[in-house]
Each structure stands twice: as C-alpha cells, then as structure tokens.
Amino acid sequence: MVILSIRFFEEIFDEINRYKRDRKINLEEYLVFDEKQGDFEQKKSQDIREGDIIKIFNQRVPADVIILKSK
C-alpha cells in the first residue's frame, strides 16, 4: 500500500509539472502575419493556426512548421 501511495503522488507531481510546462509553452508569443492589416502582430502560441505565417527571432520553434527562409 505504501509503494502504491508513493507511486500515486509521483504521478500527480509529474502531471502538475507537465501542465505548467505546457501552459508556459502555449502562452509564448510569436509574430504572426495578419492578412487584413498587412502586418505582423503578436499572437500566443495556442492561437496560431494552420496556414499562419510566423516570424521567429531567437525563440523556440513551434512543432509542425515549415521553414521558408533562414539567415
């Protein structure tokens, strides 16, 4: 019973840390091209959608992107 309790609390601790890490990544901001305004605007990672054009400067590259140009 003690071993199961320890394992249970380890899993809870891991889940909480995973949630905090995911939340931080989802709130990271990127410059996303707005076709209506014709300029880039700040958007949270969680609001980036398929087909959006983003500018990345010394940032983590979001998953599932196609790099069109680099220096």
PDB file of N, CA and C in Angstrom:
ATOM      1  N   MET A   1       0.822  -1.191   0.000  1.00  0.00           N
ATOM      2  CA  MET A   1       0.000   0.000   0.000  1.00  0.00           C
ATOM      3  C   MET A   1       0.872   1.262   0.000  1.00  0.00           C
ATOM      4  N   VAL A   2       1.976   1.217   0.731  1.00  0.00           N
ATOM      5  CA  VAL A   2       2.875   2.367   0.807  1.00  0.00           C
ATOM      6  C   VAL A   2       3.486   2.643  -0.561  1.00  0.00           C
ATOM      7  N   ILE A   3       3.908   1.592  -1.230  1.00  0.00           N
ATOM      8  CA  ILE A   3       4.521   1.748  -2.547  1.00  0.00           C
ATOM      9  C   ILE A   3       3.518   2.337  -3.543  1.00  0.00           C
ATOM     10  N   LEU A   4       2.276   1.878  -3.504  1.00  0.00           N
ATOM     11  CA  LEU A   4       1.251   2.411  -4.391  1.00  0.00           C
ATOM     12  C   LEU A   4       0.979   3.883  -4.091  1.00  0.00           C
ATOM     13  N   SER A   5       0.971   4.250  -2.834  1.00  0.00           N
ATOM     14  CA  SER A   5       0.747   5.647  -2.453  1.00  0.00           C
ATOM     15  C   SER A   5       1.883   6.537  -2.962  1.00  0.00           C
ATOM     16  N   ILE A   6       3.118   6.076  -2.798  1.00  0.00           N
ATOM     17  CA  ILE A   6       4.268   6.836  -3.277  1.00  0.00           C
ATOM     18  C   ILE A   6       4.187   7.009  -4.786  1.00  0.00           C
ATOM     19  N   ARG A   7       3.881   5.948  -5.489  1.00  0.00           N
ATOM     20  CA  ARG A   7       3.773   5.992  -6.955  1.00  0.00           C
ATOM     21  C   ARG A   7       2.658   6.952  -7.393  1.00  0.00           C
ATOM     22  N   PHE A   8       1.539   6.926  -6.658  1.00  0.00           N
ATOM     23  CA  PHE A   8       0.408   7.805  -6.955  1.00  0.00           C
ATOM     24  C   PHE A   8       0.824   9.265  -6.845  1.00  0.00           C
ATOM     25  N   PHE A   9       1.522   9.628  -5.780  1.00  0.00           N
ATOM     26  CA  PHE A   9       1.954  11.010  -5.590  1.00  0.00           C
ATOM     27  C   PHE A   9       3.034  11.419  -6.600  1.00  0.00           C
ATOM     28  N   GLU A  10       3.871  10.503  -7.006  1.00  0.00           N
ATOM     29  CA  GLU A  10       4.843  10.792  -8.060  1.00  0.00           C
ATOM     30  C   GLU A  10       4.133  11.132  -9.366  1.00  0.00           C
ATOM     31  N   GLU A  11       3.105  10.376  -9.694  1.00  0.00           N
ATOM     32  CA  GLU A  11       2.334  10.620 -10.922  1.00  0.00           C
ATOM     33  C   GLU A  11       1.639  11.973 -10.869  1.00  0.00           C
ATOM     34  N   ILE A  12       1.070  12.316  -9.730  1.00  0.00           N
ATOM     35  CA  ILE A  12       0.417  13.615  -9.578  1.00  0.00           C
ATOM     36  C   ILE A  12       1.434  14.734  -9.754  1.00  0.00           C
ATOM     37  N   PHE A  13       2.584  14.602  -9.136  1.00  0.00           N
ATOM     38  CA  PHE A  13       3.647  15.599  -9.242  1.00  0.00           C
ATOM     39  C   PHE A  13       4.090  15.769 -10.695  1.00  0.00           C
ATOM     40  N   ASP A  14       4.267  14.663 -11.399  1.00  0.00           N
ATOM     41  CA  ASP A  14       4.662  14.709 -12.811  1.00  0.00           C
ATOM     42  C   ASP A  14       3.593  15.389 -13.673  1.00  0.00           C
ATOM     43  N   GLU A  15       2.325  15.087 -13.411  1.00  0.00           N
ATOM     44  CA  GLU A  15       1.225  15.693 -14.164  1.00  0.00           C
ATOM     45  C   GLU A  15       1.169  17.199 -13.954  1.00  0.00           C
ATOM     46  N   ILE A  16       1.358  17.637 -12.726  1.00  0.00           N
ATOM     47  CA  ILE A  16       1.340  19.070 -12.422  1.00  0.00           C
ATOM     48  C   ILE A  16       2.486  19.772 -13.134  1.00  0.00           C
ATOM     49  N   ASN A  17       3.666  19.197 -13.117  1.00  0.00           N
ATOM     50  CA  ASN A  17       4.814  19.792 -13.816  1.00  0.00           C
ATOM     51  C   ASN A  17       4.595  19.830 -15.320  1.00  0.00           C
ATOM     52  N   ARG A  18       4.012  18.781 -15.877  1.00  0.00           N
ATOM     53  CA  ARG A  18       3.723  18.730 -17.311  1.00  0.00           C
ATOM     54  C   ARG A  18       2.700  19.809 -17.679  1.00  0.00           C
ATOM     55  N   TYR A  19       1.688  19.982 -16.839  1.00  0.00           N
ATOM     56  CA  TYR A  19       0.673  21.011 -17.078  1.00  0.00           C
ATOM     57  C   TYR A  19       1.303  22.401 -17.077  1.00  0.00           C
ATOM     58  N   LYS A  20       2.166  22.690 -16.100  1.00  0.00           N
ATOM     59  CA  LYS A  20       2.825  24.001 -16.012  1.00  0.00           C
ATOM     60  C   LYS A  20       3.708  24.260 -17.227  1.00  0.00           C
ATOM     61  N   ARG A  21       4.449  23.242 -17.659  1.00  0.00           N
ATOM     62  CA  ARG A  21       5.331  23.377 -18.821  1.00  0.00           C
ATOM     63  C   ARG A  21       4.518  23.622 -20.094  1.00  0.00           C
ATOM     64  N   ASP A  22       3.439  22.874 -20.277  1.00  0.00           N
ATOM     65  CA  ASP A  22       2.576  23.045 -21.452  1.00  0.00           C
ATOM     66  C   ASP A  22       1.922  24.420 -21.446  1.00  0.00           C
ATOM     67  N   ARG A  23       1.503  24.867 -20.295  1.00  0.00           N
ATOM     68  CA  ARG A  23       0.856  26.178 -20.175  1.00  0.00           C
ATOM     69  C   ARG A  23       1.832  27.294 -20.568  1.00  0.00           C
ATOM     70  N   LYS A  24       3.078  27.185 -20.105  1.00  0.00           N
ATOM     71  CA  LYS A  24       4.097  28.186 -20.424  1.00  0.00           C
ATOM     72  C   LYS A  24       4.345  28.227 -21.937  1.00  0.00           C
ATOM     73  N   ILE A  25       4.450  27.070 -22.553  1.00  0.00           N
ATOM     74  CA  ILE A  25       4.698  26.989 -23.992  1.00  0.00           C
ATOM     75  C   ILE A  25       3.506  27.543 -24.774  1.00  0.00           C
ATOM     76  N   ASN A  26       2.280  27.244 -24.347  1.00  0.00           N
ATOM     77  CA  ASN A  26       1.092  27.721 -25.052  1.00  0.00           C
ATOM     78  C   ASN A  26       0.898  29.224 -24.946  1.00  0.00           C
ATOM     79  N   LEU A  27       1.483  29.854 -23.935  1.00  0.00           N
ATOM     80  CA  LEU A  27       1.334  31.301 -23.763  1.00  0.00           C
ATOM     81  C   LEU A  27       2.495  32.093 -24.367  1.00  0.00           C
ATOM     82  N   GLU A  28       3.486  31.398 -24.917  1.00  0.00           N
ATOM     83  CA  GLU A  28       4.609  32.080 -25.560  1.00  0.00           C
ATOM     84  C   GLU A  28       4.091  32.831 -26.783  1.00  0.00           C
ATOM     85  N   GLU A  29       4.610  34.048 -27.011  1.00  0.00           N
ATOM     86  CA  GLU A  29       4.101  34.881 -28.099  1.00  0.00           C
ATOM     87  C   GLU A  29       5.042  34.879 -29.309  1.00  0.00           C
ATOM     88  N   TYR A  30       4.414  34.939 -30.485  1.00  0.00           N
ATOM     89  CA  TYR A  30       5.128  34.969 -31.758  1.00  0.00           C
ATOM     90  C   TYR A  30       4.545  36.080 -32.615  1.00  0.00           C
ATOM     91  N   LEU A  31       5.324  36.530 -33.592  1.00  0.00           N
ATOM     92  CA  LEU A  31       4.828  37.496 -34.574  1.00  0.00           C
ATOM     93  C   LEU A  31       4.145  36.709 -35.693  1.00  0.00           C
ATOM     94  N   VAL A  32       2.856  36.966 -35.873  1.00  0.00           N
ATOM     95  CA  VAL A  32       2.056  36.260 -36.874  1.00  0.00           C
ATOM     96  C   VAL A  32       1.530  37.280 -37.875  1.00  0.00           C
ATOM     97  N   PHE A  33       1.647  36.956 -39.164  1.00  0.00           N
ATOM     98  CA  PHE A  33       1.203  37.859 -40.225  1.00  0.00           C
ATOM     99  C   PHE A  33      -0.314  37.925 -40.253  1.00  0.00           C
ATOM    100  N   ASP A  34      -0.839  39.151 -40.205  1.00  0.00           N
ATOM    101  CA  ASP A  34      -2.281  39.386 -40.295  1.00  0.00           C
ATOM    102  C   ASP A  34      -2.584  39.911 -41.690  1.00  0.00           C
ATOM    103  N   GLU A  35      -3.284  39.115 -42.495  1.00  0.00           N
ATOM    104  CA  GLU A  35      -3.561  39.481 -43.889  1.00  0.00           C
ATOM    105  C   GLU A  35      -4.447  40.716 -43.996  1.00  0.00           C
ATOM    106  N   LYS A  36      -5.363  40.912 -43.047  1.00  0.00           N
ATOM    107  CA  LYS A  36      -6.271  42.059 -43.095  1.00  0.00           C
ATOM    108  C   LYS A  36      -5.517  43.370 -42.917  1.00  0.00           C
ATOM    109  N   GLN A  37      -4.573  43.387 -41.974  1.00  0.00           N
ATOM    110  CA  GLN A  37      -3.809  44.601 -41.705  1.00  0.00           C
ATOM    111  C   GLN A  37      -2.553  44.687 -42.569  1.00  0.00           C
ATOM    112  N   GLY A  38      -2.105  43.568 -43.093  1.00  0.00           N
ATOM    113  CA  GLY A  38      -0.907  43.540 -43.918  1.00  0.00           C
ATOM    114  C   GLY A  38       0.366  43.699 -43.115  1.00  0.00           C
ATOM    115  N   ASP A  39       0.323  43.335 -41.839  1.00  0.00           N
ATOM    116  CA  ASP A  39       1.475  43.492 -40.958  1.00  0.00           C
ATOM    117  C   ASP A  39       1.495  42.338 -39.944  1.00  0.00           C
ATOM    118  N   PHE A  40       2.605  42.229 -39.221  1.00  0.00           N
ATOM    119  CA  PHE A  40       2.729  41.193 -38.202  1.00  0.00           C
ATOM    120  C   PHE A  40       2.185  41.692 -36.876  1.00  0.00           C
ATOM    121  N   GLU A  41       1.534  40.807 -36.130  1.00  0.00           N
ATOM    122  CA  GLU A  41       1.028  41.126 -34.802  1.00  0.00           C
ATOM    123  C   GLU A  41       1.391  40.005 -33.824  1.00  0.00           C
ATOM    124  N   GLN A  42       1.417  40.328 -32.553  1.00  0.00           N
ATOM    125  CA  GLN A  42       1.732  39.339 -31.520  1.00  0.00           C
ATOM    126  C   GLN A  42       0.548  38.400 -31.322  1.00  0.00           C
ATOM    127  N   LYS A  43       0.837  37.101 -31.292  1.00  0.00           N
ATOM    128  CA  LYS A  43      -0.177  36.086 -31.015  1.00  0.00           C
ATOM    129  C   LYS A  43       0.425  35.026 -30.112  1.00  0.00           C
ATOM    130  N   LYS A  44      -0.386  34.484 -29.229  1.00  0.00           N
ATOM    131  CA  LYS A  44       0.060  33.396 -28.363  1.00  0.00           C
ATOM    132  C   LYS A  44       0.172  32.119 -29.191  1.00  0.00           C
ATOM    133  N   SER A  45       1.067  31.272 -28.771  1.00  0.00           N
ATOM    134  CA  SER A  45       1.306  30.009 -29.468  1.00  0.00           C
ATOM    135  C   SER A  45       0.018  29.201 -29.615  1.00  0.00           C
ATOM    136  N   GLN A  46      -0.825  29.232 -28.602  1.00  0.00           N
ATOM    137  CA  GLN A  46      -2.063  28.456 -28.642  1.00  0.00           C
ATOM    138  C   GLN A  46      -3.059  28.984 -29.674  1.00  0.00           C
ATOM    139  N   ASP A  47      -2.862  30.234 -30.135  1.00  0.00           N
ATOM    140  CA  ASP A  47      -3.769  30.835 -31.108  1.00  0.00           C
ATOM    141  C   ASP A  47      -3.257  30.736 -32.545  1.00  0.00           C
ATOM    142  N   ILE A  48      -2.081  30.176 -32.747  1.00  0.00           N
ATOM    143  CA  ILE A  48      -1.533  30.007 -34.101  1.00  0.00           C
ATOM    144  C   ILE A  48      -2.276  28.863 -34.783  1.00  0.00           C
ATOM    145  N   ARG A  49      -2.697  29.117 -36.000  1.00  0.00           N
ATOM    146  CA  ARG A  49      -3.479  28.131 -36.743  1.00  0.00           C
ATOM    147  C   ARG A  49      -2.747  27.687 -38.003  1.00  0.00           C
ATOM    148  N   GLU A  50      -3.228  26.642 -38.585  1.00  0.00           N
ATOM    149  CA  GLU A  50      -2.676  26.116 -39.835  1.00  0.00           C
ATOM    150  C   GLU A  50      -2.729  27.194 -40.902  1.00  0.00           C
ATOM    151  N   GLY A  51      -1.610  27.403 -41.595  1.00  0.00           N
ATOM    152  CA  GLY A  51      -1.542  28.385 -42.660  1.00  0.00           C
ATOM    153  C   GLY A  51      -1.025  29.741 -42.210  1.00  0.00           C
ATOM    154  N   ASP A  52      -0.894  29.962 -40.897  1.00  0.00           N
ATOM    155  CA  ASP A  52      -0.353  31.230 -40.407  1.00  0.00           C
ATOM    156  C   ASP A  52       1.128  31.343 -40.755  1.00  0.00           C
ATOM    157  N   ILE A  53       1.547  32.543 -41.065  1.00  0.00           N
ATOM    158  CA  ILE A  53       2.959  32.822 -41.328  1.00  0.00           C
ATOM    159  C   ILE A  53       3.507  33.493 -40.076  1.00  0.00           C
ATOM    160  N   ILE A  54       4.569  32.917 -39.497  1.00  0.00           N
ATOM    161  CA  ILE A  54       5.127  33.470 -38.263  1.00  0.00           C
ATOM    162  C   ILE A  54       6.589  33.854 -38.463  1.00  0.00           C
ATOM    163  N   LYS A  55       7.013  34.873 -37.721  1.00  0.00           N
ATOM    164  CA  LYS A  55       8.418  35.274 -37.680  1.00  0.00           C
ATOM    165  C   LYS A  55       8.980  34.803 -36.358  1.00  0.00           C
ATOM    166  N   ILE A  56      10.144  34.180 -36.420  1.00  0.00           N
ATOM    167  CA  ILE A  56      10.774  33.657 -35.205  1.00  0.00           C
ATOM    168  C   ILE A  56      12.148  34.283 -35.058  1.00  0.00           C
ATOM    169  N   PHE A  57      12.378  34.955 -33.939  1.00  0.00           N
ATOM    170  CA  PHE A  57      13.666  35.566 -33.623  1.00  0.00           C
ATOM    171  C   PHE A  57      14.158  35.015 -32.301  1.00  0.00           C
ATOM    172  N   ASN A  58      15.193  34.180 -32.334  1.00  0.00           N
ATOM    173  CA  ASN A  58      15.784  33.619 -31.113  1.00  0.00           C
ATOM    174  C   ASN A  58      14.734  33.042 -30.175  1.00  0.00           C
ATOM    175  N   GLN A  59      13.805  32.284 -30.737  1.00  0.00           N
ATOM    176  CA  GLN A  59      12.742  31.665 -29.958  1.00  0.00           C
ATOM    177  C   GLN A  59      12.707  30.178 -30.245  1.00  0.00           C
ATOM    178  N   ARG A  60      11.958  29.487 -29.433  1.00  0.00           N
ATOM    179  CA  ARG A  60      11.709  28.070 -29.650  1.00  0.00           C
ATOM    180  C   ARG A  60      10.839  27.956 -30.895  1.00  0.00           C
ATOM    181  N   VAL A  61      11.161  27.019 -31.763  1.00  0.00           N
ATOM    182  CA  VAL A  61      10.384  26.815 -32.991  1.00  0.00           C
ATOM    183  C   VAL A  61       9.209  25.903 -32.663  1.00  0.00           C
ATOM    184  N   PRO A  62       7.974  26.378 -32.916  1.00  0.00           N
ATOM    185  CA  PRO A  62       6.812  25.529 -32.646  1.00  0.00           C
ATOM    186  C   PRO A  62       6.835  24.278 -33.523  1.00  0.00           C
ATOM    187  N   ALA A  63       6.212  23.237 -33.046  1.00  0.00           N
ATOM    188  CA  ALA A  63       6.149  21.988 -33.806  1.00  0.00           C
ATOM    189  C   ALA A  63       5.312  22.180 -35.065  1.00  0.00           C
ATOM    190  N   ASP A  64       5.558  21.371 -36.048  1.00  0.00           N
ATOM    191  CA  ASP A  64       4.777  21.342 -37.287  1.00  0.00           C
ATOM    192  C   ASP A  64       4.846  22.640 -38.074  1.00  0.00           C
ATOM    193  N   VAL A  65       6.018  23.199 -38.229  1.00  0.00           N
ATOM    194  CA  VAL A  65       6.169  24.386 -39.067  1.00  0.00           C
ATOM    195  C   VAL A  65       7.042  24.046 -40.264  1.00  0.00           C
ATOM    196  N   ILE A  66       6.858  24.806 -41.314  1.00  0.00           N
ATOM    197  CA  ILE A  66       7.722  24.689 -42.485  1.00  0.00           C
ATOM    198  C   ILE A  66       8.558  25.943 -42.522  1.00  0.00           C
ATOM    199  N   ILE A  67       9.871  25.803 -42.541  1.00  0.00           N
ATOM    200  CA  ILE A  67      10.756  26.952 -42.556  1.00  0.00           C
ATOM    201  C   ILE A  67      10.908  27.421 -43.995  1.00  0.00           C
ATOM    202  N   LEU A  68      10.485  28.659 -44.236  1.00  0.00           N
ATOM    203  CA  LEU A  68      10.523  29.209 -45.590  1.00  0.00           C
ATOM    204  C   LEU A  68      11.839  29.934 -45.874  1.00  0.00           C
ATOM    205  N   LYS A  69      12.430  30.518 -44.839  1.00  0.00           N
ATOM    206  CA  LYS A  69      13.652  31.261 -45.031  1.00  0.00           C
ATOM    207  C   LYS A  69      14.407  31.324 -43.710  1.00  0.00           C
ATOM    208  N   SER A  70      15.726  31.246 -43.797  1.00  0.00           N
ATOM    209  CA  SER A  70      16.559  31.431 -42.607  1.00  0.00           C
ATOM    210  C   SER A  70      17.817  32.180 -43.018  1.00  0.00           C
ATOM    211  N   LYS A  71      18.470  32.764 -42.055  1.00  0.00           N
ATOM    212  CA  LYS A  71      19.687  33.520 -42.356  1.00  0.00           C
ATOM    213  C   LYS A  71      20.897  32.694 -42.062  1.00  0.00           C
TER     214      LYS A  71
END
